[in-house]
Amino acid sequence: MKKIIYILEYIGIILIYLLFKILPLNFAINFSSFLFVAFGKLSRSNKIAINNCKYVFPNLSEYEIKNIIKTSWKNLGITICELLRINDVFKKNKIKYKNLENIEDFVTNKKQAIFISIHQSNWEVLVPSLDRIGINIGGIYRHINNLFIDKLILKIRRNSLVSKNSFYTPKGKKSAKDILNAINNCSSIVLLIDQKDSSGEEVMFFNKKVKTQIGFLKIARKHKLPIIPIQNKRVNNGNIELTFLEPIYHDDTKINDTQMMEKIHNKIEDWIKSEPAQWFWQHKRFS
């Protein structure tokens, strides 16, 4: 029965995918965002999102909170559509880069780094953007339970890469092995570090201790790799702006992994506060 349900879900996704492929990109984006706003507010995830937002912004009114979450659903709809049309997004030059001088040395001299970002704006453009800039990059994705849909999305992601040296790997034991192999073979990695990880360490995030994965900090210290934050936000005309911040070096023995993660959390808290409607609130981050 589960397999039959998966097949039916897959057929539905294929039909949506084909529809989005034939529609003009802007029309498809608007249609997708409309669907996510309409159905998102009816889902269980909507309550999670509202509660998360209330925790972070306790002084905002009910109307302001709901407006943030409504726009967050809109952003998610746009992101999904842009993922399905990822190569068209790049063809239309919708990705803009700032502070490229902070990674010029890594591109020119093929140096390694650990790039970090969060689930804000369109996080799906990070791996193909770094790949197209000229960095051999590995990215971790969370697999979808429906195997058929998972294979489709992975194929779309892989087709967005231009280098044979860049790759995607599913979160779990395989990703740990793939990431270490990549590090040992002079590749870089990019991680989204804002979601809860039940096997992680408790680190302060918006004044609350939450389970956080800090394994990348151990890798950074061991292999002497710089950590480069990427601020990701939507700007005017439907463009996406990726800002490369100055590299962080986790080489001070007086600062442990938890303390460094708190510093990084402080940085991404500012990103979320500056563009709250672009963050993925629907994840159980504070419970």
Protein backbone atom coordinates (compact mmCIF):
# COMPACT_ATOMS: atom_id res chain seq x y z
CA MET A 1 0.00 0.00 0.00
CA LYS A 2 2.85 2.41 0.86
CA LYS A 3 4.47 1.74 -2.51
CA ILE A 4 1.21 2.47 -4.30
CA ILE A 5 0.86 5.74 -2.39
CA TYR A 6 4.46 6.65 -3.28
CA ILE A 7 3.78 5.96 -6.97
CA LEU A 8 0.65 8.12 -6.92
CA GLU A 9 2.58 10.91 -5.17
CA TYR A 10 5.32 10.59 -7.77
CA ILE A 11 2.84 10.85 -10.64
CA GLY A 12 1.40 13.99 -9.04
CA ILE A 13 4.85 15.56 -8.70
CA ILE A 14 5.75 14.64 -12.29
CA LEU A 15 2.59 16.38 -13.55
CA ILE A 16 3.41 19.48 -11.50
CA TYR A 17 7.01 19.37 -12.72
CA LEU A 18 5.93 19.16 -16.36
CA LEU A 19 3.43 21.98 -15.85
CA PHE A 20 6.07 24.21 -14.28
CA LYS A 21 8.48 23.38 -17.13
CA ILE A 22 6.14 24.62 -19.86
CA LEU A 23 4.92 27.74 -18.06
CA PRO A 24 6.91 31.00 -18.28
CA LEU A 25 9.27 31.10 -15.29
CA ASN A 26 7.72 34.12 -13.56
CA PHE A 27 4.20 32.77 -14.02
CA ALA A 28 5.25 29.37 -12.65
CA ILE A 29 6.87 31.06 -9.64
CA ASN A 30 3.75 33.09 -8.88
CA PHE A 31 1.53 30.03 -9.26
CA SER A 32 3.75 27.93 -6.97
CA SER A 33 3.88 30.63 -4.29
CA PHE A 34 0.07 30.96 -4.43
CA LEU A 35 -0.35 27.21 -3.88
CA PHE A 36 2.05 27.12 -0.93
CA VAL A 37 0.38 30.09 0.77
CA ALA A 38 -3.09 28.59 0.21
CA PHE A 39 -2.32 25.08 1.42
CA GLY A 40 0.53 25.90 3.82
CA LYS A 41 -1.73 27.71 6.26
CA LEU A 42 -3.92 24.57 6.44
CA SER A 43 -1.02 22.29 7.36
CA ARG A 44 0.34 21.25 10.77
CA SER A 45 3.62 22.91 9.84
CA ASN A 46 1.90 26.29 9.90
CA LYS A 47 1.37 26.05 13.67
CA ILE A 48 5.01 25.06 14.16
CA ALA A 49 6.08 28.06 12.08
CA ILE A 50 3.87 30.48 14.03
CA ASN A 51 5.11 29.18 17.39
CA ASN A 52 8.74 29.45 16.27
CA CYS A 53 8.19 33.00 15.08
CA LYS A 54 6.42 33.98 18.31
CA TYR A 55 9.37 32.68 20.29
CA VAL A 56 11.93 34.68 18.29
CA PHE A 57 9.75 37.81 18.10
CA PRO A 58 7.70 37.86 21.34
CA ASN A 59 6.86 41.55 20.98
CA LEU A 60 5.26 41.31 17.55
CA SER A 61 1.49 41.32 17.17
CA GLU A 62 -0.51 38.30 16.02
CA TYR A 63 -1.05 40.03 12.67
CA GLU A 64 2.68 40.67 12.19
CA ILE A 65 3.55 37.07 13.06
CA LYS A 66 0.98 35.64 10.64
CA ASN A 67 2.17 37.99 7.90
CA ILE A 68 5.77 36.80 8.34
CA ILE A 69 4.69 33.16 8.14
CA LYS A 70 2.44 33.82 5.13
CA THR A 71 5.39 35.38 3.30
CA SER A 72 7.59 32.50 4.45
CA TRP A 73 5.18 30.07 2.75
CA LYS A 74 5.37 32.25 -0.36
CA ASN A 75 9.17 32.09 -0.25
CA LEU A 76 9.04 28.30 0.10
CA GLY A 77 6.76 28.03 -2.92
CA ILE A 78 9.12 30.18 -4.96
CA THR A 79 12.09 28.11 -3.80
CA ILE A 80 10.47 24.81 -4.83
CA CYS A 81 9.58 26.19 -8.25
CA GLU A 82 13.09 27.58 -8.68
CA LEU A 83 14.52 24.18 -7.76
CA LEU A 84 12.44 22.50 -10.47
CA ARG A 85 13.63 25.18 -12.92
CA ILE A 86 17.11 25.61 -11.43
CA ASN A 87 18.99 25.84 -14.73
CA ASP A 88 16.56 28.49 -16.00
CA VAL A 89 17.25 30.50 -12.84
CA PHE A 90 20.95 30.57 -13.73
CA LYS A 91 20.32 31.23 -17.43
CA LYS A 92 18.34 34.34 -16.50
CA ASN A 93 21.23 35.53 -14.27
CA LYS A 94 19.00 35.74 -11.19
CA ILE A 95 21.95 34.97 -8.86
CA LYS A 96 24.01 37.99 -7.81
CA TYR A 97 27.28 37.76 -5.90
CA LYS A 98 28.76 40.19 -3.37
CA ASN A 99 32.20 40.31 -1.76
CA LEU A 100 33.70 37.80 -4.17
CA GLU A 101 37.10 39.13 -3.12
CA ASN A 102 36.68 37.09 0.09
CA ILE A 103 36.85 33.85 -1.91
CA GLU A 104 39.07 34.92 -4.80
CA ASP A 105 42.09 33.12 -3.37
CA PHE A 106 40.06 29.92 -2.91
CA VAL A 107 38.87 30.00 -6.52
CA THR A 108 42.17 30.98 -8.12
CA ASN A 109 44.39 28.64 -6.11
CA LYS A 110 41.84 25.84 -5.62
CA LYS A 111 42.02 26.16 -1.84
CA GLN A 112 39.56 24.33 0.40
CA ALA A 113 36.99 25.83 2.71
CA ILE A 114 33.83 24.95 4.63
CA PHE A 115 31.00 27.20 3.43
CA ILE A 116 28.06 27.65 5.76
CA SER A 117 24.62 29.15 5.30
CA ILE A 118 21.01 28.70 6.47
CA HIS A 119 17.57 27.83 5.10
CA GLN A 120 16.84 31.36 3.95
CA SER A 121 15.87 32.82 0.56
CA ASN A 122 16.63 29.93 -1.86
CA TRP A 123 19.16 27.59 -0.26
CA GLU A 124 19.05 25.27 -3.30
CA VAL A 125 21.21 27.66 -5.34
CA LEU A 126 24.21 27.40 -3.00
CA VAL A 127 25.84 24.22 -4.33
CA PRO A 128 25.40 24.99 -8.05
CA SER A 129 26.49 28.62 -7.48
CA LEU A 130 29.76 27.61 -5.83
CA ASP A 131 30.25 24.97 -8.50
CA ARG A 132 29.78 27.52 -11.30
CA ILE A 133 32.11 30.00 -9.61
CA GLY A 134 34.84 27.37 -9.92
CA ILE A 135 34.93 25.65 -6.54
CA ASN A 136 34.83 21.86 -6.28
CA ILE A 137 31.99 21.54 -3.80
CA GLY A 138 30.07 18.85 -1.96
CA GLY A 139 26.60 19.47 -0.55
CA ILE A 140 24.44 17.48 1.85
CA TYR A 141 20.72 17.08 1.23
CA ARG A 142 17.94 15.57 3.35
CA HIS A 143 16.49 12.60 1.48
CA ILE A 144 12.76 12.41 0.77
CA ASN A 145 10.92 9.36 2.13
CA ASN A 146 9.29 8.76 -1.24
CA LEU A 147 12.14 7.04 -3.12
CA PHE A 148 10.75 7.93 -6.55
CA ILE A 149 10.47 11.65 -5.78
CA ASP A 150 13.85 11.58 -4.05
CA LYS A 151 15.51 10.24 -7.22
CA LEU A 152 13.79 12.88 -9.35
CA ILE A 153 14.90 15.77 -7.14
CA LEU A 154 18.45 14.40 -6.89
CA LYS A 155 18.60 14.17 -10.69
CA ILE A 156 17.50 17.80 -10.98
CA ARG A 157 20.12 18.87 -8.44
CA ARG A 158 22.90 16.92 -10.16
CA ASN A 159 21.95 18.33 -13.55
CA SER A 160 22.50 21.83 -12.17
CA LEU A 161 26.22 21.14 -11.68
CA VAL A 162 28.77 21.92 -14.39
CA SER A 163 31.79 20.22 -12.82
CA LYS A 164 32.28 16.48 -12.45
CA ASN A 165 34.16 17.14 -9.21
CA SER A 166 31.15 18.61 -7.38
CA PHE A 167 28.52 16.36 -5.83
CA TYR A 168 25.48 15.89 -3.59
CA THR A 169 25.27 13.35 -0.79
CA PRO A 170 22.28 12.30 1.39
CA LYS A 171 22.39 13.21 5.07
CA GLY A 172 23.48 10.27 7.25
CA LYS A 173 26.35 7.80 7.41
CA LYS A 174 26.97 8.06 3.66
CA SER A 175 27.30 11.83 3.79
CA ALA A 176 29.83 11.61 6.64
CA LYS A 177 31.97 9.26 4.54
CA ASP A 178 31.54 11.31 1.34
CA ILE A 179 32.39 14.58 3.08
CA LEU A 180 35.57 13.18 4.62
CA ASN A 181 36.59 11.74 1.24
CA ALA A 182 35.98 15.14 -0.33
CA ILE A 183 38.09 16.88 2.30
CA ASN A 184 40.90 14.39 1.75
CA ASN A 185 40.67 14.99 -2.02
CA CYS A 186 40.99 18.78 -1.83
CA SER A 187 37.30 19.60 -2.29
CA SER A 188 35.24 22.06 -0.27
CA ILE A 189 31.85 21.50 1.37
CA VAL A 190 28.79 23.64 1.99
CA LEU A 191 26.48 23.11 4.97
CA LEU A 192 23.15 24.50 6.16
CA ILE A 193 23.62 24.88 9.91
CA ASP A 194 20.34 26.30 11.24
CA GLN A 195 18.21 23.20 11.76
CA LYS A 196 17.84 21.00 14.82
CA ASP A 197 19.99 17.88 14.99
CA SER A 198 18.91 15.36 17.61
CA SER A 199 22.42 13.91 17.78
CA GLY A 200 24.10 17.30 18.11
CA GLU A 201 25.35 19.35 21.03
CA GLU A 202 23.26 21.85 22.99
CA VAL A 203 24.18 25.36 21.85
CA MET A 204 22.49 28.69 22.58
CA PHE A 205 20.33 29.90 19.69
CA PHE A 206 18.00 32.85 20.25
CA ASN A 207 18.62 32.53 24.00
CA LYS A 208 17.67 28.86 24.13
CA LYS A 209 19.80 25.74 24.21
CA VAL A 210 19.01 23.66 21.13
CA LYS A 211 20.53 20.52 19.66
CA THR A 212 23.01 21.65 17.02
CA GLN A 213 25.41 19.77 14.76
CA ILE A 214 28.94 21.08 15.32
CA GLY A 215 30.91 18.30 13.62
CA PHE A 216 32.04 20.66 10.85
CA LEU A 217 33.94 22.69 13.46
CA LYS A 218 35.97 19.64 14.41
CA ILE A 219 36.76 19.09 10.73
CA ALA A 220 37.72 22.76 10.32
CA ARG A 221 40.11 22.62 13.27
CA LYS A 222 41.63 19.26 12.37
CA HIS A 223 42.24 20.10 8.71
CA LYS A 224 42.91 23.82 9.32
CA LEU A 225 40.11 24.84 6.98
CA PRO A 226 38.57 28.32 6.98
CA ILE A 227 34.80 28.65 7.50
CA ILE A 228 33.14 31.05 5.07
CA PRO A 229 29.59 32.22 5.89
CA ILE A 230 27.28 32.98 2.96
CA GLN A 231 24.38 35.33 3.59
CA ASN A 232 21.56 34.43 1.22
CA LYS A 233 18.63 36.77 0.59
CA ARG A 234 16.09 37.72 -2.04
CA VAL A 235 16.38 41.23 -3.41
CA ASN A 236 14.58 43.38 -5.99
CA ASN A 237 13.40 42.02 -9.34
CA GLY A 238 13.26 38.46 -8.06
CA ASN A 239 17.03 38.12 -7.82
CA ILE A 240 18.94 36.18 -5.17
CA GLU A 241 21.96 37.79 -3.54
CA LEU A 242 24.77 35.67 -2.12
CA THR A 243 27.19 37.62 0.09
CA PHE A 244 30.49 35.96 0.99
CA LEU A 245 31.68 37.05 4.42
CA GLU A 246 35.29 37.04 5.56
CA PRO A 247 36.70 33.60 6.42
CA ILE A 248 36.55 32.44 10.03
CA TYR A 249 39.51 30.46 11.36
CA HIS A 250 38.76 28.05 14.19
CA ASP A 251 42.36 27.84 15.40
CA ASP A 252 42.19 29.57 18.79
CA THR A 253 42.70 26.85 21.41
CA LYS A 254 41.02 29.08 24.00
CA ILE A 255 37.72 28.83 22.09
CA ASN A 256 36.03 25.42 22.05
CA ASP A 257 33.55 24.15 19.46
CA THR A 258 30.47 25.17 21.44
CA GLN A 259 31.75 28.72 21.96
CA MET A 260 32.57 29.06 18.28
CA MET A 261 29.12 27.75 17.32
CA GLU A 262 27.52 30.34 19.59
CA LYS A 263 29.45 33.05 17.74
CA ILE A 264 28.22 31.67 14.44
CA HIS A 265 24.67 31.46 15.81
CA ASN A 266 24.88 35.15 16.72
CA LYS A 267 25.69 35.91 13.10
CA ILE A 268 22.83 33.89 11.62
CA GLU A 269 20.41 35.30 14.20
CA ASP A 270 21.12 38.71 12.65
CA TRP A 271 20.39 37.29 9.18
CA ILE A 272 17.06 35.90 10.34
CA LYS A 273 16.07 39.10 12.13
CA SER A 274 16.92 41.19 9.05
CA GLU A 275 14.85 39.03 6.66
CA PRO A 276 12.45 37.01 8.84
CA ALA A 277 9.95 36.28 6.06
CA GLN A 278 12.67 34.53 4.04
CA TRP A 279 13.59 31.97 6.72
CA PHE A 280 12.22 28.42 6.87
CA TRP A 281 10.16 28.65 10.08
CA GLN A 282 8.34 25.36 9.51
CA HIS A 283 11.06 23.23 11.10
CA LYS A 284 10.83 22.19 14.80
CA ARG A 285 13.85 24.21 15.87
CA PHE A 286 12.97 25.21 19.43
CA SER A 287 11.20 22.11 20.75
